[in-house]
Amino acid sequence: MTDTTIDRYIGLSDRAVHDDSALDELLTLFAPDAIVRLGPEPVRGSAAIAAFYRAHFATFADSRHYWNTTVLEDGTLRAEWAAAARMADGRLMTVAGVEHAKLDGNVIADLRNEFTRLPG
């Protein structure tokens, strides 16, 4: 297992469902003007990213991610991931995808997800 910024991000995302300090730590992994392309519309900047993740994690009661990380030749971090979750309304859900993180130093400047299995 690797210990890159994207590994810390994915690991913190499971804890952030229950732990505000984990969410706060996750948010420090982003550059102030970062862009996140996970939902239908990209979000940019610290305030928008924080609002996005607070709303996103509020939809979960619990989640567990599994992933493999590769560092590409250009330095981009690539994480192939799968997750199972219990939603806040009690439904069970699985999802999978590939995330690419471009860094600015040790923080994420651009995060993009492609679903390989849509949430459901």
C-alpha atoms as a PDB file:
ATOM      1  CA  MET A   1       0.000   0.000   0.000  1.00  0.00           C
ATOM      2  CA  THR A   2       1.185   3.494  -0.819  1.00  0.00           C
ATOM      3  CA  ASP A   3       1.058   6.570   1.408  1.00  0.00           C
ATOM      4  CA  THR A   4       0.271   9.360  -1.014  1.00  0.00           C
ATOM      5  CA  THR A   5      -2.052  12.347  -0.723  1.00  0.00           C
ATOM      6  CA  ILE A   6      -4.821  10.409  -2.478  1.00  0.00           C
ATOM      7  CA  ASP A   7      -4.383   7.480  -0.060  1.00  0.00           C
ATOM      8  CA  ARG A   8      -4.835   9.864   2.867  1.00  0.00           C
ATOM      9  CA  TYR A   9      -7.846  11.447   1.122  1.00  0.00           C
ATOM     10  CA  ILE A  10      -9.644   8.139   0.539  1.00  0.00           C
ATOM     11  CA  GLY A  11      -8.806   6.824   4.019  1.00  0.00           C
ATOM     12  CA  LEU A  12     -10.118  10.004   5.645  1.00  0.00           C
ATOM     13  CA  SER A  13     -13.325   9.911   3.586  1.00  0.00           C
ATOM     14  CA  ASP A  14     -14.602   6.846   5.480  1.00  0.00           C
ATOM     15  CA  ARG A  15     -13.860   8.476   8.840  1.00  0.00           C
ATOM     16  CA  ALA A  16     -15.310  11.837   7.763  1.00  0.00           C
ATOM     17  CA  VAL A  17     -18.797  10.303   7.649  1.00  0.00           C
ATOM     18  CA  HIS A  18     -18.724  10.216  11.490  1.00  0.00           C
ATOM     19  CA  ASP A  19     -15.876  12.494  12.516  1.00  0.00           C
ATOM     20  CA  ASP A  20     -15.766  16.236  11.812  1.00  0.00           C
ATOM     21  CA  SER A  21     -12.046  16.344  12.634  1.00  0.00           C
ATOM     22  CA  ALA A  22     -11.409  13.794   9.848  1.00  0.00           C
ATOM     23  CA  LEU A  23     -13.399  15.993   7.465  1.00  0.00           C
ATOM     24  CA  ASP A  24     -11.372  19.034   8.530  1.00  0.00           C
ATOM     25  CA  GLU A  25      -8.153  17.066   7.942  1.00  0.00           C
ATOM     26  CA  LEU A  26      -9.417  15.865   4.533  1.00  0.00           C
ATOM     27  CA  LEU A  27     -10.082  19.472   3.499  1.00  0.00           C
ATOM     28  CA  THR A  28      -6.443  20.423   4.273  1.00  0.00           C
ATOM     29  CA  LEU A  29      -5.389  18.060   1.477  1.00  0.00           C
ATOM     30  CA  PHE A  30      -6.726  20.518  -1.137  1.00  0.00           C
ATOM     31  CA  ALA A  31      -5.037  23.622  -2.512  1.00  0.00           C
ATOM     32  CA  PRO A  32      -7.016  26.835  -1.786  1.00  0.00           C
ATOM     33  CA  ASP A  33      -8.065  27.150  -5.448  1.00  0.00           C
ATOM     34  CA  ALA A  34      -8.433  23.404  -6.143  1.00  0.00           C
ATOM     35  CA  ILE A  35     -11.114  21.999  -8.397  1.00  0.00           C
ATOM     36  CA  VAL A  36     -13.073  18.840  -7.543  1.00  0.00           C
ATOM     37  CA  ARG A  37     -14.900  16.978 -10.314  1.00  0.00           C
ATOM     38  CA  LEU A  38     -16.836  14.277  -8.445  1.00  0.00           C
ATOM     39  CA  GLY A  39     -20.427  15.348  -8.827  1.00  0.00           C
ATOM     40  CA  PRO A  40     -22.447  16.567 -11.786  1.00  0.00           C
ATOM     41  CA  GLU A  41     -20.847  20.024 -11.579  1.00  0.00           C
ATOM     42  CA  PRO A  42     -17.216  20.807 -10.700  1.00  0.00           C
ATOM     43  CA  VAL A  43     -16.593  22.793  -7.516  1.00  0.00           C
ATOM     44  CA  ARG A  44     -13.664  25.177  -7.085  1.00  0.00           C
ATOM     45  CA  GLY A  45     -12.075  26.787  -4.064  1.00  0.00           C
ATOM     46  CA  SER A  46     -11.918  25.995  -0.371  1.00  0.00           C
ATOM     47  CA  ALA A  47     -15.409  27.189   0.612  1.00  0.00           C
ATOM     48  CA  ALA A  48     -17.186  25.384  -2.241  1.00  0.00           C
ATOM     49  CA  ILE A  49     -15.177  22.189  -1.693  1.00  0.00           C
ATOM     50  CA  ALA A  50     -15.954  22.227   2.051  1.00  0.00           C
ATOM     51  CA  ALA A  51     -19.675  22.722   1.361  1.00  0.00           C
ATOM     52  CA  PHE A  52     -19.641  19.925  -1.232  1.00  0.00           C
ATOM     53  CA  TYR A  53     -18.002  17.401   1.112  1.00  0.00           C
ATOM     54  CA  ARG A  54     -20.166  18.343   4.119  1.00  0.00           C
ATOM     55  CA  ALA A  55     -23.307  17.722   2.021  1.00  0.00           C
ATOM     56  CA  HIS A  56     -21.836  14.574   0.455  1.00  0.00           C
ATOM     57  CA  PHE A  57     -20.832  12.911   3.731  1.00  0.00           C
ATOM     58  CA  ALA A  58     -24.182  13.803   5.344  1.00  0.00           C
ATOM     59  CA  THR A  59     -25.866  11.352   2.938  1.00  0.00           C
ATOM     60  CA  PHE A  60     -23.998   8.398   4.502  1.00  0.00           C
ATOM     61  CA  ALA A  61     -24.454   6.487   7.749  1.00  0.00           C
ATOM     62  CA  ASP A  62     -21.268   4.467   7.133  1.00  0.00           C
ATOM     63  CA  SER A  63     -18.883   3.664   4.282  1.00  0.00           C
ATOM     64  CA  ARG A  64     -15.827   1.556   3.522  1.00  0.00           C
ATOM     65  CA  HIS A  65     -13.457   2.101   0.587  1.00  0.00           C
ATOM     66  CA  TYR A  66     -10.852  -0.247  -0.901  1.00  0.00           C
ATOM     67  CA  TRP A  67      -8.361   1.080  -3.429  1.00  0.00           C
ATOM     68  CA  ASN A  68      -5.070   0.695  -5.246  1.00  0.00           C
ATOM     69  CA  THR A  69      -2.924   3.727  -6.029  1.00  0.00           C
ATOM     70  CA  THR A  70      -0.513   4.224  -8.903  1.00  0.00           C
ATOM     71  CA  VAL A  71       1.763   7.220  -9.429  1.00  0.00           C
ATOM     72  CA  LEU A  72       1.725   8.000 -13.149  1.00  0.00           C
ATOM     73  CA  GLU A  73       4.798   9.205 -15.032  1.00  0.00           C
ATOM     74  CA  ASP A  74       3.599  12.831 -14.962  1.00  0.00           C
ATOM     75  CA  GLY A  75       3.166  12.675 -11.160  1.00  0.00           C
ATOM     76  CA  THR A  76      -0.632  12.354 -11.283  1.00  0.00           C
ATOM     77  CA  LEU A  77      -1.982  10.008  -8.614  1.00  0.00           C
ATOM     78  CA  ARG A  78      -4.418   7.381  -9.917  1.00  0.00           C
ATOM     79  CA  ALA A  79      -6.603   5.436  -7.488  1.00  0.00           C
ATOM     80  CA  GLU A  80      -8.828   2.605  -8.632  1.00  0.00           C
ATOM     81  CA  TRP A  81     -11.434   2.219  -5.876  1.00  0.00           C
ATOM     82  CA  ALA A  82     -14.595   0.432  -4.780  1.00  0.00           C
ATOM     83  CA  ALA A  83     -16.856   1.207  -1.840  1.00  0.00           C
ATOM     84  CA  ALA A  84     -19.813  -0.188   0.035  1.00  0.00           C
ATOM     85  CA  ALA A  85     -21.992   2.073   2.142  1.00  0.00           C
ATOM     86  CA  ARG A  86     -25.095   2.334   4.251  1.00  0.00           C
ATOM     87  CA  MET A  87     -26.880   5.525   3.347  1.00  0.00           C
ATOM     88  CA  ALA A  88     -28.410   7.862   5.948  1.00  0.00           C
ATOM     89  CA  ASP A  89     -31.859   6.510   4.998  1.00  0.00           C
ATOM     90  CA  GLY A  90     -30.724   2.900   5.621  1.00  0.00           C
ATOM     91  CA  ARG A  91     -30.326   1.785   1.993  1.00  0.00           C
ATOM     92  CA  LEU A  92     -27.211  -0.185   1.051  1.00  0.00           C
ATOM     93  CA  MET A  93     -25.119   1.038  -1.857  1.00  0.00           C
ATOM     94  CA  THR A  94     -22.026  -0.006  -3.810  1.00  0.00           C
ATOM     95  CA  VAL A  95     -19.987   2.121  -6.178  1.00  0.00           C
ATOM     96  CA  ALA A  96     -16.589   2.019  -7.912  1.00  0.00           C
ATOM     97  CA  GLY A  97     -14.415   4.286  -9.966  1.00  0.00           C
ATOM     98  CA  VAL A  98     -11.041   5.724 -10.822  1.00  0.00           C
ATOM     99  CA  GLU A  99      -9.850   9.015  -9.368  1.00  0.00           C
ATOM    100  CA  HIS A 100      -7.016  11.118 -10.728  1.00  0.00           C
ATOM    101  CA  ALA A 101      -5.386  13.721  -8.494  1.00  0.00           C
ATOM    102  CA  LYS A 102      -2.999  16.347  -9.852  1.00  0.00           C
ATOM    103  CA  LEU A 103      -0.920  17.841  -7.071  1.00  0.00           C
ATOM    104  CA  ASP A 104       0.487  21.247  -6.311  1.00  0.00           C
ATOM    105  CA  GLY A 105       3.297  20.278  -3.966  1.00  0.00           C
ATOM    106  CA  ASN A 106       1.677  17.868  -1.499  1.00  0.00           C
ATOM    107  CA  VAL A 107      -1.910  19.107  -1.897  1.00  0.00           C
ATOM    108  CA  ILE A 108      -4.543  18.287  -4.503  1.00  0.00           C
ATOM    109  CA  ALA A 109      -5.001  20.949  -7.178  1.00  0.00           C
ATOM    110  CA  ASP A 110      -7.386  18.957  -9.387  1.00  0.00           C
ATOM    111  CA  LEU A 111      -9.377  15.830  -8.453  1.00  0.00           C
ATOM    112  CA  ARG A 112     -11.387  14.007 -11.107  1.00  0.00           C
ATOM    113  CA  ASN A 113     -13.493  10.855 -10.757  1.00  0.00           C
ATOM    114  CA  GLU A 114     -14.752   8.470 -13.417  1.00  0.00           C
ATOM    115  CA  PHE A 115     -17.316   5.935 -12.200  1.00  0.00           C
ATOM    116  CA  THR A 116     -16.785   2.350 -13.336  1.00  0.00           C
ATOM    117  CA  ARG A 117     -19.871   1.284 -11.356  1.00  0.00           C
ATOM    118  CA  LEU A 118     -22.510   3.950 -10.774  1.00  0.00           C
ATOM    119  CA  PRO A 119     -23.848   4.341  -7.220  1.00  0.00           C
ATOM    120  CA  GLY A 120     -26.659   1.918  -6.559  1.00  0.00           C
END
